[in-house]
């Protein structure tokens, strides 16, 4: 069991690192968020952490968990961008900047090179 696999393609390594970062910040966000979205964000954070660990250990279920969690987090942040556009330009720009890393995680997880490697080598 390893936390990071340096033999993976670069996009997959980026997905693992961003998955860990997204999971840690997701745990912090879910504890501060409250309301009906807190359990969803908590599950997404745990999915990102577990998925990143699974991808590092060549597990197909880890890739699926990381992909699902990253899409949920990206949709959450895109929803915040839509909400923030009604609040003014400054809030919209801040939300847009906050959306960069979740979208980058989705791009790294769903990248063609990552999917091909996963199909060939994962259990």
Protein backbone atom coordinates (compact mmCIF):
# COMPACT_ATOMS: atom_id res chain seq x y z
CA UNK A 1 0.00 0.00 0.00
CA UNK A 2 1.46 3.28 -1.16
CA UNK A 3 0.26 6.89 -1.08
CA UNK A 4 1.80 7.95 -4.39
CA UNK A 5 2.99 5.93 -7.38
CA UNK A 6 5.78 7.63 -9.36
CA UNK A 7 5.40 5.05 -12.18
CA UNK A 8 1.98 6.40 -13.18
CA UNK A 9 1.57 8.78 -16.12
CA UNK A 10 1.89 12.46 -15.32
CA UNK A 11 -1.85 13.14 -15.59
CA UNK A 12 -2.61 10.34 -13.15
CA UNK A 13 0.02 11.60 -10.71
CA UNK A 14 -1.59 15.04 -10.89
CA UNK A 15 -5.00 13.47 -10.28
CA UNK A 16 -3.74 11.68 -7.18
CA UNK A 17 -2.13 14.80 -5.71
CA UNK A 18 -5.14 16.99 -6.50
CA UNK A 19 -7.41 14.26 -5.11
CA UNK A 20 -5.62 14.32 -1.77
CA UNK A 21 -5.67 18.13 -1.68
CA UNK A 22 -9.34 18.24 -2.66
CA UNK A 23 -10.20 15.66 -0.01
CA UNK A 24 -8.46 17.53 2.80
CA UNK A 25 -10.00 20.86 1.88
CA UNK A 26 -13.34 19.14 1.34
CA UNK A 27 -13.26 17.82 4.90
CA UNK A 28 -12.59 21.33 6.17
CA UNK A 29 -15.28 22.76 3.91
CA UNK A 30 -17.91 20.22 4.96
CA UNK A 31 -17.30 20.93 8.64
CA UNK A 32 -17.67 24.68 8.08
CA UNK A 33 -20.50 24.49 5.54
CA UNK A 34 -23.46 23.13 7.46
CA UNK A 35 -26.92 22.77 6.02
CA UNK A 36 -28.13 20.13 3.59
CA UNK A 37 -24.96 20.24 1.46
CA UNK A 38 -22.58 19.31 4.29
CA UNK A 39 -23.16 15.51 4.11
CA UNK A 40 -22.79 15.55 0.33
CA UNK A 41 -19.52 17.45 0.54
CA UNK A 42 -18.31 15.13 3.32
CA UNK A 43 -18.98 12.09 1.12
CA UNK A 44 -17.26 13.78 -1.81
CA UNK A 45 -14.23 14.58 0.37
CA UNK A 46 -14.00 11.02 1.65
CA UNK A 47 -14.46 9.75 -1.90
CA UNK A 48 -11.63 11.96 -3.13
CA UNK A 49 -9.28 10.80 -0.37
CA UNK A 50 -10.16 7.13 -0.78
CA UNK A 51 -10.16 7.42 -4.55
CA UNK A 52 -6.72 9.02 -4.64
CA UNK A 53 -5.38 6.26 -2.40
CA UNK A 54 -7.03 3.65 -4.63
CA UNK A 55 -5.58 5.17 -7.79
CA UNK A 56 -2.12 5.22 -6.21
CA UNK A 57 -2.54 1.47 -5.57
CA UNK A 58 -3.86 0.66 -9.09
CA UNK A 59 -7.46 -0.05 -8.09
CA UNK A 60 -10.24 0.54 -10.62
CA UNK A 61 -12.74 1.28 -7.84
CA UNK A 62 -10.39 4.03 -6.62
CA UNK A 63 -10.45 5.65 -10.04
CA UNK A 64 -14.26 5.47 -10.10
CA UNK A 65 -14.50 7.00 -6.61
CA UNK A 66 -12.06 9.78 -7.49
CA UNK A 67 -13.91 10.52 -10.74
CA UNK A 68 -17.30 10.66 -9.02
CA UNK A 69 -16.04 12.79 -6.14
CA UNK A 70 -14.24 15.21 -8.44
CA UNK A 71 -17.34 15.68 -10.61
CA UNK A 72 -19.50 16.34 -7.52
CA UNK A 73 -17.05 18.92 -6.18
CA UNK A 74 -16.68 20.60 -9.59
CA UNK A 75 -20.47 20.81 -9.98
CA UNK A 76 -20.72 22.32 -6.49
CA UNK A 77 -18.20 25.01 -7.36
CA UNK A 78 -19.80 25.69 -10.74
CA UNK A 79 -23.09 26.14 -8.89
CA UNK A 80 -21.36 28.64 -6.63
CA UNK A 81 -20.17 30.53 -9.71
CA UNK A 82 -23.73 30.74 -11.00
CA UNK A 83 -24.94 31.93 -7.61
CA UNK A 84 -22.08 34.43 -7.29
CA UNK A 85 -22.82 36.08 -10.63
CA UNK A 86 -26.00 37.39 -9.04
CA UNK A 87 -24.01 38.79 -6.09
CA UNK A 88 -21.65 41.01 -8.08
CA UNK A 89 -18.47 40.95 -10.12
CA UNK A 90 -16.03 40.58 -7.22
CA UNK A 91 -17.80 37.56 -5.77
CA UNK A 92 -18.15 36.02 -9.25
CA UNK A 93 -14.41 36.37 -9.94
CA UNK A 94 -13.55 34.89 -6.55
CA UNK A 95 -15.83 31.91 -7.20
CA UNK A 96 -14.39 31.47 -10.67
CA UNK A 97 -10.85 31.35 -9.27
CA UNK A 98 -11.96 28.83 -6.63
CA UNK A 99 -13.34 26.61 -9.40
CA UNK A 100 -9.98 26.18 -11.16
CA UNK A 101 -8.63 23.28 -9.07
CA UNK A 102 -11.82 21.18 -9.00
CA UNK A 103 -12.08 21.49 -12.79
CA UNK A 104 -8.37 20.63 -13.14
CA UNK A 105 -8.98 17.51 -11.03
CA UNK A 106 -11.85 16.44 -13.29
CA UNK A 107 -9.66 17.05 -16.35
CA UNK A 108 -6.78 15.01 -14.89
CA UNK A 109 -9.01 12.11 -13.83
CA UNK A 110 -10.95 11.93 -17.09
CA UNK A 111 -7.97 12.59 -19.37
CA UNK A 112 -7.53 10.09 -22.21
CA UNK A 113 -4.06 9.03 -21.04
CA UNK A 114 -5.34 8.38 -17.50
CA UNK A 115 -8.30 6.33 -18.75
CA UNK A 116 -6.13 4.24 -21.09
CA UNK A 117 -3.61 3.50 -18.35
CA UNK A 118 -6.42 2.62 -15.95
CA UNK A 119 -8.01 0.22 -18.46
CA UNK A 120 -4.68 -1.50 -19.13
CA UNK A 121 -3.15 -1.79 -15.67
CA UNK A 122 -5.76 -1.43 -12.92
CA UNK A 123 -7.39 -4.33 -11.07
